[in-house]
Amino acid sequence: MKRKTRLAALLLCLPLLFCGCGEKAPETEEEVKQEAAEIASRDFVSGASIEYGGLSLRAQIAKDAQGETTVSLESPETLKGLTLTSKDGEVALHYKGLSTSIDPDSFVGKTLVQAAIKALNQAGNPQGISVTRTDGGVQLISSTEGMEFTLALDQETGHFLELSVPDEKLNIKFENFQFADPKEEAQE
């Protein structure tokens, strides 16, 4: 009974998040999940404050139309300029003009960056996610492929607010988030 009540509340409240002028609001739980996944899979750029197992980092994170995700570290000073990219399951490390491919299953390949990229990619897949409404936002929650995470989205804009991956002791707060295509931003 509790599950049916939550599902009914979700179906009644979430369409408000995803409907634009003249657009039909999603009606079923699957339509709501599909809309949320589409928002999560859009290209973006954002600053980020990252907490990872006791480390505090600042970075720029971007995801582009070719499916490449880039994380460029800005602090601490010892890691400034280090950039990791991931595309099609391959990870590359770039630092001071040098680049190398990294085995995604190696210690370095399984770092906070790879965990974040994996979670963001999974958030764009409606299979295996659940959607919950919170005060001023929506949460995409997943535990697929052995990785549990929560991605919080702003209710009005769909902008990413926070990504939490508890098993990895990873928390990312997005700052100055923007979808990559200004035309998409204007349509919201």
Protein backbone atom coordinates (compact mmCIF):
# COMPACT_ATOMS: atom_id res chain seq x y z
CA MET A 1 0.00 0.00 0.00
CA LYS A 2 2.83 2.38 0.90
CA ARG A 3 4.49 1.75 -2.48
CA LYS A 4 1.26 2.55 -4.34
CA THR A 5 0.84 5.79 -2.39
CA ARG A 6 4.40 6.87 -3.17
CA LEU A 7 3.98 5.95 -6.82
CA ALA A 8 0.74 7.92 -7.04
CA ALA A 9 2.39 10.96 -5.41
CA LEU A 10 5.34 10.67 -7.78
CA LEU A 11 3.12 10.45 -10.83
CA LEU A 12 1.05 13.43 -9.70
CA CYS A 13 3.94 15.73 -8.73
CA LEU A 14 6.78 14.97 -11.16
CA PRO A 15 5.02 15.97 -14.38
CA LEU A 16 5.29 19.57 -13.22
CA LEU A 17 9.08 19.29 -13.37
CA PHE A 18 9.24 18.02 -16.90
CA CYS A 19 6.55 19.91 -18.76
CA GLY A 20 7.30 23.01 -20.78
CA CYS A 21 4.99 25.37 -22.58
CA GLY A 22 2.62 23.38 -24.75
CA GLU A 23 4.36 20.07 -24.06
CA LYS A 24 2.55 17.02 -22.83
CA ALA A 25 3.59 16.05 -19.30
CA PRO A 26 4.73 12.47 -18.73
CA GLU A 27 1.91 10.35 -17.36
CA THR A 28 3.30 6.96 -16.39
CA GLU A 29 6.18 6.03 -14.10
CA GLU A 30 8.17 4.88 -17.16
CA GLU A 31 7.57 8.20 -18.95
CA VAL A 32 8.74 10.11 -15.86
CA LYS A 33 11.88 7.95 -15.65
CA GLN A 34 12.53 8.45 -19.37
CA GLU A 35 12.24 12.25 -19.04
CA ALA A 36 14.57 12.27 -16.04
CA ALA A 37 17.11 10.11 -17.89
CA GLU A 38 16.97 12.43 -20.92
CA ILE A 39 17.74 15.42 -18.68
CA ALA A 40 20.61 13.54 -17.02
CA SER A 41 22.11 12.53 -20.38
CA ARG A 42 22.34 16.07 -21.80
CA ASP A 43 25.72 17.66 -22.49
CA PHE A 44 26.89 20.08 -19.81
CA VAL A 45 29.73 22.07 -18.27
CA SER A 46 30.05 22.82 -14.58
CA GLY A 47 32.39 23.76 -11.79
CA ALA A 48 32.50 21.24 -8.98
CA SER A 49 33.47 20.95 -5.34
CA ILE A 50 34.47 17.35 -4.75
CA GLU A 51 34.87 15.47 -1.48
CA TYR A 52 36.51 12.09 -1.92
CA GLY A 53 37.58 9.99 1.05
CA GLY A 54 38.96 12.95 2.99
CA LEU A 55 40.28 14.87 -0.03
CA SER A 56 38.78 18.21 -1.05
CA LEU A 57 39.12 19.04 -4.74
CA ARG A 58 37.90 21.68 -7.19
CA ALA A 59 37.35 20.80 -10.83
CA GLN A 60 35.61 21.61 -14.07
CA ILE A 61 33.45 18.79 -15.42
CA ALA A 62 32.12 18.63 -18.97
CA LYS A 63 30.23 16.08 -21.03
CA ASP A 64 30.02 16.58 -24.79
CA ALA A 65 27.91 15.38 -27.72
CA GLN A 66 30.49 12.76 -28.68
CA GLY A 67 30.03 11.04 -25.29
CA GLU A 68 33.33 12.22 -23.82
CA THR A 69 33.39 13.26 -20.18
CA THR A 70 36.28 15.46 -19.03
CA VAL A 71 37.30 16.27 -15.46
CA SER A 72 39.96 18.99 -15.13
CA LEU A 73 41.32 19.46 -11.62
CA GLU A 74 41.91 23.03 -10.40
CA SER A 75 42.94 22.35 -6.81
CA PRO A 76 44.73 21.34 -4.69
CA GLU A 77 47.72 23.05 -6.31
CA THR A 78 49.66 19.76 -6.57
CA LEU A 79 46.98 18.35 -8.93
CA LYS A 80 46.16 21.54 -10.82
CA GLY A 81 46.18 20.90 -14.57
CA LEU A 82 45.54 17.16 -14.29
CA THR A 83 42.76 16.17 -16.70
CA LEU A 84 41.05 12.81 -17.04
CA THR A 85 38.83 11.95 -19.97
CA SER A 86 36.53 9.01 -20.48
CA LYS A 87 34.81 7.88 -23.65
CA ASP A 88 33.42 4.48 -24.61
CA GLY A 89 34.90 2.88 -21.48
CA GLU A 90 38.43 4.15 -22.17
CA VAL A 91 40.17 6.48 -19.73
CA ALA A 92 43.03 8.86 -20.53
CA LEU A 93 45.18 11.00 -18.25
CA HIS A 94 46.58 14.35 -19.44
CA TYR A 95 49.11 16.43 -17.49
CA LYS A 96 51.53 19.18 -18.60
CA GLY A 97 51.44 18.15 -22.26
CA LEU A 98 51.76 14.43 -21.60
CA SER A 99 48.94 11.96 -22.20
CA THR A 100 48.50 8.27 -21.51
CA SER A 101 45.71 5.74 -21.69
CA ILE A 102 44.75 4.07 -18.44
CA ASP A 103 43.27 0.65 -17.87
CA PRO A 104 39.80 1.46 -16.45
CA ASP A 105 40.18 -1.50 -14.05
CA SER A 106 43.52 -0.30 -12.67
CA PHE A 107 43.84 1.56 -9.37
CA VAL A 108 44.07 4.94 -11.14
CA GLY A 109 41.24 4.01 -13.51
CA LYS A 110 38.95 3.34 -10.55
CA THR A 111 39.52 6.75 -8.99
CA LEU A 112 36.89 9.26 -8.03
CA VAL A 113 36.82 10.55 -11.60
CA GLN A 114 35.90 7.17 -13.06
CA ALA A 115 33.28 6.65 -10.33
CA ALA A 116 31.73 10.03 -11.13
CA ILE A 117 31.77 9.40 -14.88
CA LYS A 118 30.22 5.97 -14.45
CA ALA A 119 27.45 7.37 -12.22
CA LEU A 120 26.69 10.26 -14.60
CA ASN A 121 26.53 7.87 -17.56
CA GLN A 122 24.22 5.50 -15.68
CA ALA A 123 21.95 8.40 -14.68
CA GLY A 124 21.19 8.87 -18.38
CA ASN A 125 19.76 5.35 -18.64
CA PRO A 126 16.13 4.99 -17.47
CA GLN A 127 16.65 1.29 -16.74
CA GLY A 128 17.62 0.74 -13.13
CA ILE A 129 16.91 4.24 -11.84
CA SER A 130 14.16 5.44 -9.60
CA VAL A 131 12.96 9.04 -9.43
CA THR A 132 11.97 10.82 -6.22
CA ARG A 133 10.74 14.38 -5.70
CA THR A 134 12.32 16.50 -2.95
CA ASP A 135 11.91 20.11 -1.84
CA GLY A 136 12.89 22.09 -4.93
CA GLY A 137 14.31 19.15 -6.81
CA VAL A 138 14.29 15.62 -8.08
CA GLN A 139 16.61 12.76 -7.22
CA LEU A 140 17.68 10.02 -9.59
CA ILE A 141 18.65 6.99 -7.53
CA SER A 142 20.42 3.95 -8.95
CA SER A 143 22.10 0.81 -7.72
CA THR A 144 22.85 -0.76 -11.08
CA GLU A 145 26.18 -2.42 -11.93
CA GLY A 146 27.07 -2.59 -8.24
CA MET A 147 27.23 1.19 -7.87
CA GLU A 148 24.70 3.02 -5.75
CA PHE A 149 24.38 6.74 -6.34
CA THR A 150 22.00 9.65 -6.03
CA LEU A 151 21.97 12.54 -8.50
CA ALA A 152 19.98 15.58 -7.35
CA LEU A 153 18.50 17.84 -10.05
CA ASP A 154 16.98 21.31 -9.75
CA GLN A 155 13.22 21.05 -10.22
CA GLU A 156 12.87 24.12 -12.43
CA THR A 157 15.95 23.92 -14.64
CA GLY A 158 17.02 20.27 -14.52
CA HIS A 159 20.54 21.43 -13.59
CA PHE A 160 22.66 18.97 -11.63
CA LEU A 161 22.97 19.99 -7.97
CA GLU A 162 24.80 17.14 -6.29
CA LEU A 163 26.08 13.63 -6.99
CA SER A 164 26.61 11.24 -4.11
CA VAL A 165 28.29 7.82 -4.46
CA PRO A 166 28.39 6.53 -0.86
CA ASP A 167 30.35 3.32 -1.52
CA GLU A 168 33.16 5.37 -3.08
CA LYS A 169 32.99 8.08 -0.36
CA LEU A 170 32.39 10.54 -3.19
CA ASN A 171 30.28 13.69 -3.10
CA ILE A 172 30.22 16.30 -5.87
CA LYS A 173 28.44 19.64 -5.57
CA PHE A 174 27.93 21.24 -8.96
CA GLU A 175 28.42 25.01 -9.29
CA ASN A 176 27.56 27.33 -12.18
CA PHE A 177 26.03 24.37 -14.01
CA GLN A 178 25.04 24.96 -17.63
CA PHE A 179 23.75 22.69 -20.33
CA ALA A 180 26.23 22.83 -23.21
CA ASP A 181 23.76 23.96 -25.86
CA PRO A 182 22.48 27.48 -25.06
CA LYS A 183 19.43 26.82 -27.28
CA GLU A 184 18.41 23.91 -25.05
CA GLU A 185 18.90 26.15 -22.00
CA ALA A 186 16.62 28.82 -23.46
CA GLN A 187 13.82 26.33 -24.15
CA GLU A 188 13.43 25.39 -20.49
